[in-house]
C-alpha atoms as a PDB file:
ATOM      1  CA  MET A   1      -0.222   0.084  -0.183  1.00  0.00           C
ATOM      2  CA  MET A   2       2.843   2.411   1.043  1.00  0.00           C
ATOM      3  CA  ALA A   3       4.520   1.557  -2.170  1.00  0.00           C
ATOM      4  CA  ALA A   4       1.896   2.346  -4.237  1.00  0.00           C
ATOM      5  CA  VAL A   5       1.330   5.780  -2.484  1.00  0.00           C
ATOM      6  CA  ARG A   6       5.195   6.388  -3.084  1.00  0.00           C
ATOM      7  CA  ARG A   7       4.681   5.834  -6.826  1.00  0.00           C
ATOM      8  CA  SER A   8       1.711   8.154  -6.895  1.00  0.00           C
ATOM      9  CA  TRP A   9       3.390  11.017  -5.318  1.00  0.00           C
ATOM     10  CA  GLU A  10       6.400  10.411  -7.468  1.00  0.00           C
ATOM     11  CA  GLN A  11       4.337  10.629 -10.663  1.00  0.00           C
ATOM     12  CA  VAL A  12       2.405  13.663  -9.263  1.00  0.00           C
ATOM     13  CA  SER A  13       6.005  15.428  -8.481  1.00  0.00           C
ATOM     14  CA  LEU A  14       6.813  15.090 -12.050  1.00  0.00           C
ATOM     15  CA  TYR A  15       4.156  17.215 -13.223  1.00  0.00           C
ATOM     16  CA  LEU A  16       4.298  19.846 -10.382  1.00  0.00           C
ATOM     17  CA  PRO A  17       6.576  22.040 -11.898  1.00  0.00           C
ATOM     18  CA  VAL A  18       4.347  22.398 -14.991  1.00  0.00           C
ATOM     19  CA  LEU A  19       1.509  23.073 -13.042  1.00  0.00           C
ATOM     20  CA  LEU A  20       3.048  25.820 -10.890  1.00  0.00           C
ATOM     21  CA  MET A  21       4.042  27.433 -14.067  1.00  0.00           C
ATOM     22  CA  ALA A  22       0.511  27.169 -15.319  1.00  0.00           C
ATOM     23  CA  LEU A  23      -0.719  28.946 -12.356  1.00  0.00           C
ATOM     24  CA  LEU A  24       1.898  31.592 -12.208  1.00  0.00           C
ATOM     25  CA  ALA A  25       1.158  32.321 -16.314  1.00  0.00           C
ATOM     26  CA  LEU A  26      -2.811  32.551 -15.161  1.00  0.00           C
ATOM     27  CA  GLY A  27      -2.002  34.846 -12.288  1.00  0.00           C
ATOM     28  CA  SER A  28       0.241  37.048 -14.787  1.00  0.00           C
ATOM     29  CA  TRP A  29      -2.567  37.129 -17.254  1.00  0.00           C
ATOM     30  CA  TRP A  30      -5.109  37.923 -14.619  1.00  0.00           C
ATOM     31  CA  LEU A  31      -3.191  41.023 -13.235  1.00  0.00           C
ATOM     32  CA  VAL A  32      -2.184  42.421 -16.421  1.00  0.00           C
ATOM     33  CA  ARG A  33      -5.795  42.140 -17.557  1.00  0.00           C
ATOM     34  CA  ASN A  34      -7.207  43.905 -14.357  1.00  0.00           C
ATOM     35  CA  ALA A  35      -4.398  46.341 -13.834  1.00  0.00           C
ATOM     36  CA  PRO A  36      -5.346  50.076 -14.009  1.00  0.00           C
ATOM     37  CA  THR A  37      -4.344  51.501 -17.539  1.00  0.00           C
ATOM     38  CA  VAL A  38      -1.752  54.467 -17.952  1.00  0.00           C
ATOM     39  CA  SER A  39      -3.829  57.316 -18.931  1.00  0.00           C
ATOM     40  CA  ARG A  40      -2.326  58.845 -22.049  1.00  0.00           C
ATOM     41  CA  PRO A  41      -1.342  62.505 -21.976  1.00  0.00           C
ATOM     42  CA  VAL A  42      -4.418  64.842 -23.116  1.00  0.00           C
ATOM     43  CA  ALA A  43      -3.305  66.690 -26.137  1.00  0.00           C
ATOM     44  CA  GLU A  44      -3.503  70.653 -25.291  1.00  0.00           C
ATOM     45  CA  ARG A  45      -6.353  71.914 -27.121  1.00  0.00           C
ATOM     46  CA  PRO A  46      -4.839  74.726 -29.409  1.00  0.00           C
ATOM     47  CA  VAL A  47      -5.628  78.239 -28.509  1.00  0.00           C
ATOM     48  CA  LEU A  48      -8.246  79.741 -31.079  1.00  0.00           C
ATOM     49  CA  HIS A  49      -8.272  83.483 -31.905  1.00  0.00           C
ATOM     50  CA  GLU A  50     -11.595  83.747 -30.157  1.00  0.00           C
ATOM     51  CA  PRO A  51     -12.382  86.496 -27.504  1.00  0.00           C
ATOM     52  CA  ASP A  52     -12.621  85.165 -23.784  1.00  0.00           C
ATOM     53  CA  TYR A  53     -14.494  88.376 -22.819  1.00  0.00           C
ATOM     54  CA  THR A  54     -15.879  91.517 -24.020  1.00  0.00           C
ATOM     55  CA  MET A  55     -16.336  94.904 -22.523  1.00  0.00           C
ATOM     56  CA  LEU A  56     -18.972  97.549 -23.720  1.00  0.00           C
ATOM     57  CA  HIS A  57     -18.483 101.182 -23.230  1.00  0.00           C
ATOM     58  CA  PHE A  58     -15.806 100.696 -21.191  1.00  0.00           C
ATOM     59  CA  MET A  59     -12.482 102.597 -19.769  1.00  0.00           C
ATOM     60  CA  VAL A  60      -9.373 100.655 -18.565  1.00  0.00           C
ATOM     61  CA  LYS A  61      -6.377 102.615 -16.956  1.00  0.00           C
ATOM     62  CA  ASP A  62      -2.537 101.400 -16.504  1.00  0.00           C
ATOM     63  CA  PHE A  63      -0.338 102.404 -13.726  1.00  0.00           C
ATOM     64  CA  ASP A  64       3.002 101.857 -13.078  1.00  0.00           C
ATOM     65  CA  ALA A  65       4.911 100.627 -10.021  1.00  0.00           C
ATOM     66  CA  LYS A  66       4.777 104.354  -8.396  1.00  0.00           C
ATOM     67  CA  GLY A  67       1.085 105.016  -8.875  1.00  0.00           C
ATOM     68  CA  ARG A  68       1.753 106.922 -12.059  1.00  0.00           C
ATOM     69  CA  MET A  69      -0.781 106.550 -14.841  1.00  0.00           C
ATOM     70  CA  GLN A  70       0.770 105.161 -17.881  1.00  0.00           C
ATOM     71  CA  SER A  71      -2.214 104.651 -20.265  1.00  0.00           C
ATOM     72  CA  GLU A  72      -6.081 104.884 -20.734  1.00  0.00           C
ATOM     73  CA  ILE A  73      -8.305 103.431 -22.965  1.00  0.00           C
ATOM     74  CA  ARG A  74     -11.724 103.784 -23.804  1.00  0.00           C
ATOM     75  CA  GLY A  75     -13.906 102.316 -26.510  1.00  0.00           C
ATOM     76  CA  ASP A  76     -17.630 101.483 -27.359  1.00  0.00           C
ATOM     77  CA  ARG A  77     -16.504  97.704 -27.429  1.00  0.00           C
ATOM     78  CA  GLY A  78     -13.675  95.722 -26.352  1.00  0.00           C
ATOM     79  CA  ASP A  79     -12.737  91.941 -27.318  1.00  0.00           C
ATOM     80  CA  HIS A  80     -10.017  90.432 -25.439  1.00  0.00           C
ATOM     81  CA  TYR A  81      -8.010  87.817 -27.639  1.00  0.00           C
ATOM     82  CA  PRO A  82      -6.075  85.256 -25.061  1.00  0.00           C
ATOM     83  CA  ASP A  83      -3.797  83.757 -27.819  1.00  0.00           C
ATOM     84  CA  THR A  84      -2.375  87.017 -28.621  1.00  0.00           C
ATOM     85  CA  ASP A  85      -3.357  88.896 -25.257  1.00  0.00           C
ATOM     86  CA  THR A  86      -4.454  92.057 -27.329  1.00  0.00           C
ATOM     87  CA  MET A  87      -7.717  93.951 -27.110  1.00  0.00           C
ATOM     88  CA  GLU A  88      -9.455  94.843 -30.131  1.00  0.00           C
ATOM     89  CA  ILE A  89     -11.401  98.013 -29.703  1.00  0.00           C
ATOM     90  CA  GLN A  90     -14.408  99.705 -31.623  1.00  0.00           C
ATOM     91  CA  GLN A  91     -14.206 103.604 -31.507  1.00  0.00           C
ATOM     92  CA  VAL A  92     -11.060 103.525 -29.673  1.00  0.00           C
ATOM     93  CA  ASP A  93      -9.825 106.481 -27.694  1.00  0.00           C
ATOM     94  CA  LEU A  94      -6.367 106.306 -26.020  1.00  0.00           C
ATOM     95  CA  ARG A  95      -4.249 108.251 -23.842  1.00  0.00           C
ATOM     96  CA  GLY A  96      -0.724 107.581 -23.150  1.00  0.00           C
ATOM     97  CA  PHE A  97       1.883 109.233 -20.929  1.00  0.00           C
ATOM     98  CA  ALA A  98       5.347 109.194 -21.101  1.00  0.00           C
ATOM     99  CA  PRO A  99       7.779 109.767 -18.301  1.00  0.00           C
ATOM    100  CA  ASP A 100       8.873 113.196 -19.269  1.00  0.00           C
ATOM    101  CA  GLY A 101       5.171 114.403 -19.187  1.00  0.00           C
ATOM    102  CA  THR A 102       4.554 114.106 -22.949  1.00  0.00           C
ATOM    103  CA  LYS A 103       0.842 113.054 -23.582  1.00  0.00           C
ATOM    104  CA  THR A 104       0.176 110.863 -26.639  1.00  0.00           C
ATOM    105  CA  THR A 105      -3.695 110.818 -27.740  1.00  0.00           C
ATOM    106  CA  ALA A 106      -5.033 108.392 -30.241  1.00  0.00           C
ATOM    107  CA  THR A 107      -8.375 108.142 -31.937  1.00  0.00           C
ATOM    108  CA  ALA A 108      -9.742 105.581 -34.668  1.00  0.00           C
ATOM    109  CA  ARG A 109     -12.646 103.622 -35.746  1.00  0.00           C
ATOM    110  CA  LYS A 110     -10.854 100.461 -34.702  1.00  0.00           C
ATOM    111  CA  GLY A 111      -7.757  99.874 -32.823  1.00  0.00           C
ATOM    112  CA  ILE A 112      -5.869  96.917 -31.676  1.00  0.00           C
ATOM    113  CA  SER A 113      -3.719  97.253 -28.166  1.00  0.00           C
ATOM    114  CA  ASN A 114      -1.414  95.021 -26.471  1.00  0.00           C
ATOM    115  CA  SER A 115      -1.752  94.511 -22.673  1.00  0.00           C
ATOM    116  CA  ASP A 116      -0.696  97.555 -21.670  1.00  0.00           C
ATOM    117  CA  ALA A 117      -1.520  99.962 -24.598  1.00  0.00           C
ATOM    118  CA  SER A 118       2.069 100.487 -25.439  1.00  0.00           C
ATOM    119  CA  GLU A 119       1.752  99.436 -28.891  1.00  0.00           C
ATOM    120  CA  VAL A 120      -1.611 100.341 -30.834  1.00  0.00           C
ATOM    121  CA  GLN A 121      -2.748  99.867 -34.418  1.00  0.00           C
ATOM    122  CA  LEU A 122      -5.227 102.082 -35.499  1.00  0.00           C
ATOM    123  CA  TRP A 123      -7.654 101.852 -38.608  1.00  0.00           C
ATOM    124  CA  GLY A 124     -10.041 104.365 -39.930  1.00  0.00           C
ATOM    125  CA  ASN A 125      -9.936 108.069 -39.447  1.00  0.00           C
ATOM    126  CA  ALA A 126      -6.893 107.367 -37.261  1.00  0.00           C
ATOM    127  CA  VAL A 127      -5.440 110.372 -35.479  1.00  0.00           C
ATOM    128  CA  VAL A 128      -2.458 110.401 -33.162  1.00  0.00           C
ATOM    129  CA  VAL A 129      -1.341 113.491 -31.444  1.00  0.00           C
ATOM    130  CA  ARG A 130       1.876 113.981 -29.469  1.00  0.00           C
ATOM    131  CA  GLN A 131       1.903 116.820 -27.013  1.00  0.00           C
ATOM    132  CA  PRO A 132       4.926 117.793 -25.340  1.00  0.00           C
ATOM    133  CA  LEU A 133       5.505 119.846 -22.615  1.00  0.00           C
ATOM    134  CA  PRO A 134       5.638 123.682 -23.585  1.00  0.00           C
ATOM    135  CA  PRO A 135       7.082 125.238 -25.350  1.00  0.00           C
ATOM    136  CA  ARG A 136       7.587 122.523 -27.733  1.00  0.00           C
ATOM    137  CA  THR A 137       4.788 122.276 -30.431  1.00  0.00           C
ATOM    138  CA  ALA A 138       2.347 119.229 -30.764  1.00  0.00           C
ATOM    139  CA  LEU A 139       2.604 116.954 -33.596  1.00  0.00           C
ATOM    140  CA  LYS A 140      -0.489 115.356 -35.326  1.00  0.00           C
ATOM    141  CA  PHE A 141      -0.533 112.287 -37.487  1.00  0.00           C
ATOM    142  CA  GLU A 142      -3.542 111.572 -39.647  1.00  0.00           C
ATOM    143  CA  GLY A 143      -4.321 108.786 -41.856  1.00  0.00           C
ATOM    144  CA  GLU A 144      -6.532 105.496 -42.400  1.00  0.00           C
ATOM    145  CA  PHE A 145      -3.810 103.408 -40.791  1.00  0.00           C
ATOM    146  CA  LEU A 146      -1.403 104.294 -38.040  1.00  0.00           C
ATOM    147  CA  HIS A 147       0.789 102.193 -35.671  1.00  0.00           C
ATOM    148  CA  ALA A 148       1.901 103.978 -32.598  1.00  0.00           C
ATOM    149  CA  TRP A 149       4.312 103.219 -29.873  1.00  0.00           C
ATOM    150  CA  THR A 150       3.292 105.394 -26.989  1.00  0.00           C
ATOM    151  CA  GLN A 151       6.119 104.717 -24.446  1.00  0.00           C
ATOM    152  CA  GLU A 152       8.772 104.491 -27.496  1.00  0.00           C
ATOM    153  CA  GLU A 153       7.231 107.660 -29.028  1.00  0.00           C
ATOM    154  CA  ARG A 154       7.179 106.228 -32.458  1.00  0.00           C
ATOM    155  CA  VAL A 155       4.500 106.229 -35.223  1.00  0.00           C
ATOM    156  CA  ARG A 156       4.487 104.220 -38.386  1.00  0.00           C
ATOM    157  CA  SER A 157       2.248 103.885 -41.569  1.00  0.00           C
ATOM    158  CA  HIS A 158       2.728 102.207 -44.998  1.00  0.00           C
ATOM    159  CA  LEU A 159      -0.562 104.208 -46.111  1.00  0.00           C
ATOM    160  CA  PRO A 160      -0.908 107.911 -46.928  1.00  0.00           C
ATOM    161  CA  VAL A 161      -0.344 110.253 -43.765  1.00  0.00           C
ATOM    162  CA  VAL A 162      -0.650 113.765 -42.994  1.00  0.00           C
ATOM    163  CA  LEU A 163       1.661 115.466 -40.509  1.00  0.00           C
ATOM    164  CA  THR A 164       1.110 118.869 -38.741  1.00  0.00           C
ATOM    165  CA  ARG A 165       3.234 120.724 -36.471  1.00  0.00           C
ATOM    166  CA  GLY A 166       1.713 123.871 -35.690  1.00  0.00           C
ATOM    167  CA  GLU A 167       0.943 125.661 -38.922  1.00  0.00           C
ATOM    168  CA  ASP A 168       3.194 123.249 -40.987  1.00  0.00           C
ATOM    169  CA  ARG A 169       1.710 120.351 -43.023  1.00  0.00           C
ATOM    170  CA  PHE A 170       3.257 117.695 -44.632  1.00  0.00           C
ATOM    171  CA  THR A 171       1.845 114.671 -46.469  1.00  0.00           C
ATOM    172  CA  SER A 172       3.366 111.339 -47.725  1.00  0.00           C
ATOM    173  CA  ASP A 173       2.454 107.839 -48.874  1.00  0.00           C
ATOM    174  CA  LYS A 174       4.641 106.196 -45.936  1.00  0.00           C
ATOM    175  CA  LEU A 175       5.889 107.545 -42.666  1.00  0.00           C
ATOM    176  CA  GLU A 176       7.881 106.505 -40.151  1.00  0.00           C
ATOM    177  CA  TYR A 177       8.627 109.029 -36.983  1.00  0.00           C
ATOM    178  CA  ASP A 178      11.015 108.559 -34.195  1.00  0.00           C
ATOM    179  CA  ASN A 179      10.782 111.102 -31.474  1.00  0.00           C
ATOM    180  CA  VAL A 180      14.054 109.601 -29.662  1.00  0.00           C
ATOM    181  CA  SER A 181      16.145 110.120 -32.506  1.00  0.00           C
ATOM    182  CA  GLN A 182      14.122 113.068 -33.847  1.00  0.00           C
ATOM    183  CA  VAL A 183      14.048 111.627 -37.337  1.00  0.00           C
ATOM    184  CA  VAL A 184      11.100 111.661 -39.551  1.00  0.00           C
ATOM    185  CA  GLN A 185      11.090 109.619 -42.748  1.00  0.00           C
ATOM    186  CA  MET A 186       8.518 110.208 -45.358  1.00  0.00           C
ATOM    187  CA  GLN A 187       8.419 108.259 -48.704  1.00  0.00           C
ATOM    188  CA  GLY A 188       6.586 108.470 -51.861  1.00  0.00           C
ATOM    189  CA  ARG A 189       4.637 111.458 -52.733  1.00  0.00           C
ATOM    190  CA  VAL A 190       6.044 113.820 -50.009  1.00  0.00           C
ATOM    191  CA  ARG A 191       4.597 117.414 -50.167  1.00  0.00           C
ATOM    192  CA  GLY A 192       5.159 120.190 -47.528  1.00  0.00           C
ATOM    193  CA  SER A 193       3.838 123.487 -46.794  1.00  0.00           C
ATOM    194  CA  LEU A 194       6.025 125.706 -44.242  1.00  0.00           C
ATOM    195  CA  GLN A 195       4.875 128.731 -42.588  1.00  0.00           C
ATOM    196  CA  PRO A 196       7.368 131.429 -42.356  1.00  0.00           C
ATOM    197  CA  GLY A 197       9.215 131.710 -39.151  1.00  0.00           C
ATOM    198  CA  ARG A 198       8.537 127.815 -38.432  1.00  0.00           C
ATOM    199  CA  VAL A 199      10.909 125.180 -38.832  1.00  0.00           C
ATOM    200  CA  ALA A 200      10.189 121.705 -40.179  1.00  0.00           C
ATOM    201  CA  PRO A 201       9.944 118.767 -37.958  1.00  0.00           C
END
């Protein structure tokens, strides 16, 4: 009887490693099947050029670290675009103040301003006036498009512009004005009218 039991055990022990390997394979398959899957990284949605908020009949003021007003923007409607951090304004009315006290005003039917109004593009009856402290004379730029940098005191246009200083008047097809370097570049058909006793800008 004992011999028969021993033979049976020897036969079972021959197949024991195979049974253990089968159990391990089955357990591994079950773990893989029931393990939580790694979440795939979510692709960031592209930022569309769509406004994230709109203001109606608004006024926005920007101040420097010392509390001095740097700019003021008013408009009938303003749409903010987060992809470019710009504000598109209908009937824009802007005032910018340089550290030396020079005041720059700009108006147009439509304007696009950066976040601090230091760069503004103006379309439709665009007018930019740079008003320095007396006794210096104001400069006035008029055209269908003007690109103004209020802090850098520059104005540019690739379309016809009228430049007025006091009673002197100049027209050109293109214009680039830099107050820091005191240079006005006028291109295309340039015409000027100087009044006696006045010096051209």
